[in-house]
Amino acid sequence: MNYQWIKDYVMSNNLVLQGNPLIVKSQPFNKPHYSAFGANVSYNATIGFWEPYCYASIMQTFLDIHDMNGMRVNGQKPYVEVSVNNYFNLKNDFMPYVFMAYNTTGDLREYNVKEKFLLSFGIGKHFLKNSLYLRLNVNNVLGIKEIETRYGSNYFFEKERFKDNRNISLMLRYVFNNKKKYKGNSAASEEINRL
């Protein structure tokens, strides 16, 4: 659990220029303060060949932002995120995994983040007595876009962001001298012998 409080929280104000309504000038300004409360929990276990890693978090933002009509537009919905990473230890050092993450529509600082679901999967394998590791990943299989709305004191801005993070990657890792142990004396043992 955590609590955050920031004095003179910096936000931006957008001003439409009088002579040219197509030009908007952005300038920073301070809210008196920003605060948020968060909590998270994680759990992992080994059930036979299955290793689930579970994570859940919640954040409640306390930042009042009102629109031009005086209506409160932010700080009302908590942001909740849940993820499960499932590893499967199979024969011959094969380890496939399936990663799923979900977040609710909720408020984070001056942003309202829309609901989304992510799905990724892959497979890994150890070679050469665990010195070499190879993993194939397929990320964001469904091609989900991030959608968020940003609120200021006199405007709101909605954007749909697609980072194009749907990808396939191959990772190769080699550990040199994997079994070698240090055979010298440590500084601690020398100090103990001196005393």
C-alpha atoms as a PDB file:
ATOM      1  CA  MET A   1       0.000   0.000   0.000  1.00  0.00           C
ATOM      2  CA  ASN A   2       1.195   3.530  -0.665  1.00  0.00           C
ATOM      3  CA  TYR A   3       0.008   7.108  -0.456  1.00  0.00           C
ATOM      4  CA  GLN A   4       1.395   9.942  -2.566  1.00  0.00           C
ATOM      5  CA  TRP A   5       0.937  13.680  -1.957  1.00  0.00           C
ATOM      6  CA  ILE A   6       2.492  16.363  -4.177  1.00  0.00           C
ATOM      7  CA  LYS A   7       2.311  20.058  -3.304  1.00  0.00           C
ATOM      8  CA  ASP A   8       1.893  22.497  -6.237  1.00  0.00           C
ATOM      9  CA  TYR A   9       1.155  19.769  -8.783  1.00  0.00           C
ATOM     10  CA  VAL A  10       2.077  20.997 -12.296  1.00  0.00           C
ATOM     11  CA  MET A  11      -0.515  20.703 -15.070  1.00  0.00           C
ATOM     12  CA  SER A  12      -0.989  22.524 -18.365  1.00  0.00           C
ATOM     13  CA  ASN A  13      -3.538  25.066 -19.512  1.00  0.00           C
ATOM     14  CA  ASN A  14      -4.399  25.542 -23.176  1.00  0.00           C
ATOM     15  CA  LEU A  15      -5.327  29.040 -24.362  1.00  0.00           C
ATOM     16  CA  VAL A  16      -6.846  29.737 -27.778  1.00  0.00           C
ATOM     17  CA  LEU A  17      -5.225  32.819 -29.287  1.00  0.00           C
ATOM     18  CA  GLN A  18      -7.704  35.677 -29.835  1.00  0.00           C
ATOM     19  CA  GLY A  19      -6.581  36.589 -33.354  1.00  0.00           C
ATOM     20  CA  ASN A  20      -6.204  33.021 -34.626  1.00  0.00           C
ATOM     21  CA  PRO A  21      -8.562  30.359 -33.213  1.00  0.00           C
ATOM     22  CA  LEU A  22      -6.552  27.602 -34.951  1.00  0.00           C
ATOM     23  CA  ILE A  23      -3.530  28.208 -32.695  1.00  0.00           C
ATOM     24  CA  VAL A  24      -3.520  26.976 -29.118  1.00  0.00           C
ATOM     25  CA  LYS A  25      -0.897  28.065 -26.593  1.00  0.00           C
ATOM     26  CA  SER A  26      -0.077  25.653 -23.789  1.00  0.00           C
ATOM     27  CA  GLN A  27       1.325  26.921 -20.500  1.00  0.00           C
ATOM     28  CA  PRO A  28       1.990  25.243 -17.151  1.00  0.00           C
ATOM     29  CA  PHE A  29       0.091  26.049 -13.994  1.00  0.00           C
ATOM     30  CA  ASN A  30      -0.048  24.636 -10.466  1.00  0.00           C
ATOM     31  CA  LYS A  31      -2.920  22.884  -8.753  1.00  0.00           C
ATOM     32  CA  PRO A  32      -2.671  23.311  -4.960  1.00  0.00           C
ATOM     33  CA  HIS A  33      -1.878  19.606  -4.547  1.00  0.00           C
ATOM     34  CA  TYR A  34      -2.284  16.112  -5.955  1.00  0.00           C
ATOM     35  CA  SER A  35      -2.726  12.935  -3.937  1.00  0.00           C
ATOM     36  CA  ALA A  36      -3.344   9.273  -4.672  1.00  0.00           C
ATOM     37  CA  PHE A  37      -3.747   6.049  -2.730  1.00  0.00           C
ATOM     38  CA  GLY A  38      -2.561   2.753  -4.188  1.00  0.00           C
ATOM     39  CA  ALA A  39      -2.430  -0.885  -3.189  1.00  0.00           C
ATOM     40  CA  ASN A  40      -1.158  -3.978  -4.906  1.00  0.00           C
ATOM     41  CA  VAL A  41      -0.811  -7.669  -4.259  1.00  0.00           C
ATOM     42  CA  SER A  42       1.104 -10.422  -6.039  1.00  0.00           C
ATOM     43  CA  TYR A  43       1.077 -14.196  -5.757  1.00  0.00           C
ATOM     44  CA  ASN A  44       2.944 -17.052  -7.365  1.00  0.00           C
ATOM     45  CA  ALA A  45       2.864 -20.797  -6.904  1.00  0.00           C
ATOM     46  CA  THR A  46       3.980 -24.024  -8.487  1.00  0.00           C
ATOM     47  CA  ILE A  47       1.197 -26.503  -9.182  1.00  0.00           C
ATOM     48  CA  GLY A  48       2.722 -29.499 -10.912  1.00  0.00           C
ATOM     49  CA  PHE A  49       4.198 -28.200 -14.179  1.00  0.00           C
ATOM     50  CA  TRP A  50       2.194 -24.910 -14.024  1.00  0.00           C
ATOM     51  CA  GLU A  51       3.652 -21.734 -12.464  1.00  0.00           C
ATOM     52  CA  PRO A  52       1.137 -18.863 -12.334  1.00  0.00           C
ATOM     53  CA  TYR A  53       2.322 -15.351 -11.388  1.00  0.00           C
ATOM     54  CA  CYS A  54      -0.653 -13.160 -10.460  1.00  0.00           C
ATOM     55  CA  TYR A  55      -0.660  -9.403  -9.860  1.00  0.00           C
ATOM     56  CA  ALA A  56      -3.445  -6.943  -9.003  1.00  0.00           C
ATOM     57  CA  SER A  57      -3.313  -3.219  -8.220  1.00  0.00           C
ATOM     58  CA  ILE A  58      -5.705  -0.377  -7.586  1.00  0.00           C
ATOM     59  CA  MET A  59      -5.066   3.374  -7.570  1.00  0.00           C
ATOM     60  CA  GLN A  60      -7.486   6.082  -6.497  1.00  0.00           C
ATOM     61  CA  THR A  61      -6.532   9.574  -7.648  1.00  0.00           C
ATOM     62  CA  PHE A  62      -7.656  12.584  -5.610  1.00  0.00           C
ATOM     63  CA  LEU A  63      -7.403  15.390  -8.150  1.00  0.00           C
ATOM     64  CA  ASP A  64     -10.471  17.511  -8.809  1.00  0.00           C
ATOM     65  CA  ILE A  65     -10.647  18.822 -12.353  1.00  0.00           C
ATOM     66  CA  HIS A  66     -13.771  20.628 -13.509  1.00  0.00           C
ATOM     67  CA  ASP A  67     -14.883  21.479 -17.046  1.00  0.00           C
ATOM     68  CA  MET A  68     -16.010  24.920 -18.263  1.00  0.00           C
ATOM     69  CA  ASN A  69     -19.491  24.289 -16.824  1.00  0.00           C
ATOM     70  CA  GLY A  70     -18.170  23.475 -13.354  1.00  0.00           C
ATOM     71  CA  MET A  71     -18.794  19.718 -13.670  1.00  0.00           C
ATOM     72  CA  ARG A  72     -16.202  17.430 -12.106  1.00  0.00           C
ATOM     73  CA  VAL A  73     -14.587  15.297 -14.831  1.00  0.00           C
ATOM     74  CA  ASN A  74     -11.755  13.438 -13.078  1.00  0.00           C
ATOM     75  CA  GLY A  75     -10.765  11.650  -9.869  1.00  0.00           C
ATOM     76  CA  GLN A  76     -13.984   9.687  -9.539  1.00  0.00           C
ATOM     77  CA  LYS A  77     -13.114   6.214 -10.878  1.00  0.00           C
ATOM     78  CA  PRO A  78     -10.270   4.120  -9.442  1.00  0.00           C
ATOM     79  CA  TYR A  79      -7.851   2.516 -11.910  1.00  0.00           C
ATOM     80  CA  VAL A  80      -7.619  -1.273 -11.488  1.00  0.00           C
ATOM     81  CA  GLU A  81      -5.074  -3.519 -13.205  1.00  0.00           C
ATOM     82  CA  VAL A  82      -4.903  -7.336 -13.094  1.00  0.00           C
ATOM     83  CA  SER A  83      -2.377  -9.618 -14.801  1.00  0.00           C
ATOM     84  CA  VAL A  84      -1.572 -13.333 -14.892  1.00  0.00           C
ATOM     85  CA  ASN A  85       1.613 -14.775 -16.341  1.00  0.00           C
ATOM     86  CA  ASN A  86       1.327 -18.549 -16.780  1.00  0.00           C
ATOM     87  CA  TYR A  87       4.527 -20.586 -17.218  1.00  0.00           C
ATOM     88  CA  PHE A  88       4.442 -24.299 -18.060  1.00  0.00           C
ATOM     89  CA  ASN A  89       7.555 -26.398 -17.266  1.00  0.00           C
ATOM     90  CA  LEU A  90       7.521 -29.177 -19.864  1.00  0.00           C
ATOM     91  CA  LYS A  91       9.902 -31.998 -20.656  1.00  0.00           C
ATOM     92  CA  ASN A  92      13.321 -31.299 -22.184  1.00  0.00           C
ATOM     93  CA  ASP A  93      13.519 -27.799 -20.622  1.00  0.00           C
ATOM     94  CA  PHE A  94      10.741 -26.311 -22.782  1.00  0.00           C
ATOM     95  CA  MET A  95       8.822 -23.501 -21.056  1.00  0.00           C
ATOM     96  CA  PRO A  96       5.841 -21.987 -22.907  1.00  0.00           C
ATOM     97  CA  TYR A  97       3.999 -19.059 -21.313  1.00  0.00           C
ATOM     98  CA  VAL A  98       0.759 -17.123 -21.731  1.00  0.00           C
ATOM     99  CA  PHE A  99       0.516 -13.556 -20.383  1.00  0.00           C
ATOM    100  CA  MET A 100      -2.851 -11.811 -19.906  1.00  0.00           C
ATOM    101  CA  ALA A 101      -3.411  -8.299 -18.533  1.00  0.00           C
ATOM    102  CA  TYR A 102      -6.595  -6.293 -18.056  1.00  0.00           C
ATOM    103  CA  ASN A 103      -7.287  -2.792 -16.773  1.00  0.00           C
ATOM    104  CA  THR A 104     -10.574  -1.076 -16.064  1.00  0.00           C
ATOM    105  CA  THR A 105     -11.540   2.393 -17.220  1.00  0.00           C
ATOM    106  CA  GLY A 106     -10.239   4.686 -14.497  1.00  0.00           C
ATOM    107  CA  ASP A 107      -8.490   7.924 -13.560  1.00  0.00           C
ATOM    108  CA  LEU A 108      -4.694   8.284 -13.266  1.00  0.00           C
ATOM    109  CA  ARG A 109      -3.595  11.825 -12.395  1.00  0.00           C
ATOM    110  CA  GLU A 110      -5.194  14.094 -15.034  1.00  0.00           C
ATOM    111  CA  TYR A 111      -5.839  11.175 -17.409  1.00  0.00           C
ATOM    112  CA  ASN A 112      -8.837   8.922 -17.855  1.00  0.00           C
ATOM    113  CA  VAL A 113      -7.520   5.607 -19.201  1.00  0.00           C
ATOM    114  CA  LYS A 114      -9.931   3.366 -21.105  1.00  0.00           C
ATOM    115  CA  GLU A 115     -10.433  -0.353 -20.513  1.00  0.00           C
ATOM    116  CA  LYS A 116      -8.124  -2.759 -22.355  1.00  0.00           C
ATOM    117  CA  PHE A 117      -7.077  -6.414 -22.475  1.00  0.00           C
ATOM    118  CA  LEU A 118      -3.619  -7.600 -23.562  1.00  0.00           C
ATOM    119  CA  LEU A 119      -2.585 -11.095 -24.584  1.00  0.00           C
ATOM    120  CA  SER A 120       0.955 -12.317 -25.253  1.00  0.00           C
ATOM    121  CA  PHE A 121       2.542 -15.745 -25.422  1.00  0.00           C
ATOM    122  CA  GLY A 122       5.840 -17.437 -26.155  1.00  0.00           C
ATOM    123  CA  ILE A 123       8.136 -20.360 -25.536  1.00  0.00           C
ATOM    124  CA  GLY A 124      11.626 -20.674 -24.088  1.00  0.00           C
ATOM    125  CA  LYS A 125      14.222 -23.441 -23.876  1.00  0.00           C
ATOM    126  CA  HIS A 126      17.576 -23.955 -22.120  1.00  0.00           C
ATOM    127  CA  PHE A 127      20.527 -25.548 -23.934  1.00  0.00           C
ATOM    128  CA  LEU A 128      24.144 -26.483 -23.068  1.00  0.00           C
ATOM    129  CA  LYS A 129      23.544 -27.249 -19.363  1.00  0.00           C
ATOM    130  CA  ASN A 130      21.548 -24.014 -18.854  1.00  0.00           C
ATOM    131  CA  SER A 131      24.296 -21.799 -20.309  1.00  0.00           C
ATOM    132  CA  LEU A 132      22.259 -20.921 -23.395  1.00  0.00           C
ATOM    133  CA  TYR A 133      18.646 -19.687 -23.268  1.00  0.00           C
ATOM    134  CA  LEU A 134      16.445 -19.090 -26.317  1.00  0.00           C
ATOM    135  CA  ARG A 135      12.969 -17.521 -26.162  1.00  0.00           C
ATOM    136  CA  LEU A 136      10.401 -16.666 -28.835  1.00  0.00           C
ATOM    137  CA  ASN A 137       7.773 -14.024 -27.862  1.00  0.00           C
ATOM    138  CA  VAL A 138       4.565 -12.921 -29.581  1.00  0.00           C
ATOM    139  CA  ASN A 139       3.375  -9.681 -27.918  1.00  0.00           C
ATOM    140  CA  ASN A 140      -0.023  -7.934 -28.012  1.00  0.00           C
ATOM    141  CA  VAL A 141      -1.592 -10.651 -30.172  1.00  0.00           C
ATOM    142  CA  LEU A 142      -4.922  -8.809 -30.449  1.00  0.00           C
ATOM    143  CA  GLY A 143      -3.327  -5.486 -31.474  1.00  0.00           C
ATOM    144  CA  ILE A 144      -5.064  -3.535 -28.696  1.00  0.00           C
ATOM    145  CA  LYS A 145      -4.798   0.268 -28.794  1.00  0.00           C
ATOM    146  CA  GLU A 146      -4.383   2.512 -25.755  1.00  0.00           C
ATOM    147  CA  ILE A 147      -7.115   5.152 -25.451  1.00  0.00           C
ATOM    148  CA  GLU A 148      -6.900   7.957 -22.910  1.00  0.00           C
ATOM    149  CA  THR A 149      -8.443  11.349 -22.270  1.00  0.00           C
ATOM    150  CA  ARG A 150      -6.371  14.152 -20.747  1.00  0.00           C
ATOM    151  CA  TYR A 151      -8.150  16.839 -18.746  1.00  0.00           C
ATOM    152  CA  GLY A 152      -6.938  20.355 -18.050  1.00  0.00           C
ATOM    153  CA  SER A 153      -8.648  23.249 -16.306  1.00  0.00           C
ATOM    154  CA  ASN A 154     -10.158  24.603 -19.535  1.00  0.00           C
ATOM    155  CA  TYR A 155     -10.030  21.725 -22.042  1.00  0.00           C
ATOM    156  CA  PHE A 156     -10.038  17.993 -22.538  1.00  0.00           C
ATOM    157  CA  PHE A 157      -8.015  16.102 -25.103  1.00  0.00           C
ATOM    158  CA  GLU A 158      -8.790  12.548 -26.167  1.00  0.00           C
ATOM    159  CA  LYS A 159      -6.204  10.520 -27.994  1.00  0.00           C
ATOM    160  CA  GLU A 160      -6.025   7.016 -29.294  1.00  0.00           C
ATOM    161  CA  ARG A 161      -2.481   5.743 -29.107  1.00  0.00           C
ATOM    162  CA  PHE A 162      -1.302   2.682 -30.968  1.00  0.00           C
ATOM    163  CA  LYS A 163       2.363   2.083 -30.234  1.00  0.00           C
ATOM    164  CA  ASP A 164       2.412  -0.779 -32.741  1.00  0.00           C
ATOM    165  CA  ASN A 165       3.767  -2.989 -29.989  1.00  0.00           C
ATOM    166  CA  ARG A 166       2.313  -6.088 -31.628  1.00  0.00           C
ATOM    167  CA  ASN A 167       5.518  -7.910 -32.473  1.00  0.00           C
ATOM    168  CA  ILE A 168       7.430 -11.146 -32.610  1.00  0.00           C
ATOM    169  CA  SER A 169      10.830 -11.207 -30.928  1.00  0.00           C
ATOM    170  CA  LEU A 170      13.576 -13.759 -30.461  1.00  0.00           C
ATOM    171  CA  MET A 171      15.867 -13.525 -27.425  1.00  0.00           C
ATOM    172  CA  LEU A 172      19.163 -15.389 -27.100  1.00  0.00           C
ATOM    173  CA  ARG A 173      21.157 -15.309 -23.834  1.00  0.00           C
ATOM    174  CA  TYR A 174      24.437 -17.049 -23.061  1.00  0.00           C
ATOM    175  CA  VAL A 175      25.963 -17.195 -19.583  1.00  0.00           C
ATOM    176  CA  PHE A 176      29.769 -17.569 -19.562  1.00  0.00           C
ATOM    177  CA  ASN A 177      31.423 -19.672 -16.819  1.00  0.00           C
ATOM    178  CA  ASN A 178      28.055 -20.756 -15.479  1.00  0.00           C
ATOM    179  CA  LYS A 179      29.451 -23.297 -12.978  1.00  0.00           C
ATOM    180  CA  LYS A 180      32.669 -21.578 -11.889  1.00  0.00           C
ATOM    181  CA  LYS A 181      32.848 -20.717  -8.178  1.00  0.00           C
ATOM    182  CA  TYR A 182      35.050 -18.102  -6.490  1.00  0.00           C
ATOM    183  CA  LYS A 183      37.885 -19.830  -4.611  1.00  0.00           C
ATOM    184  CA  GLY A 184      39.706 -16.878  -3.037  1.00  0.00           C
ATOM    185  CA  ASN A 185      39.367 -15.327   0.415  1.00  0.00           C
ATOM    186  CA  SER A 186      36.785 -12.678   1.059  1.00  0.00           C
ATOM    187  CA  ALA A 187      37.559  -9.382   2.751  1.00  0.00           C
ATOM    188  CA  ALA A 188      35.218 -10.372   5.606  1.00  0.00           C
ATOM    189  CA  SER A 189      37.182 -13.531   6.451  1.00  0.00           C
ATOM    190  CA  GLU A 190      40.445 -11.559   6.441  1.00  0.00           C
ATOM    191  CA  GLU A 191      38.925  -9.019   8.856  1.00  0.00           C
ATOM    192  CA  ILE A 192      37.685 -11.772  11.178  1.00  0.00           C
ATOM    193  CA  ASN A 193      41.150 -13.399  11.237  1.00  0.00           C
ATOM    194  CA  ARG A 194      42.735 -10.018  12.030  1.00  0.00           C
ATOM    195  CA  LEU A 195      40.486  -9.576  15.089  1.00  0.00           C
END
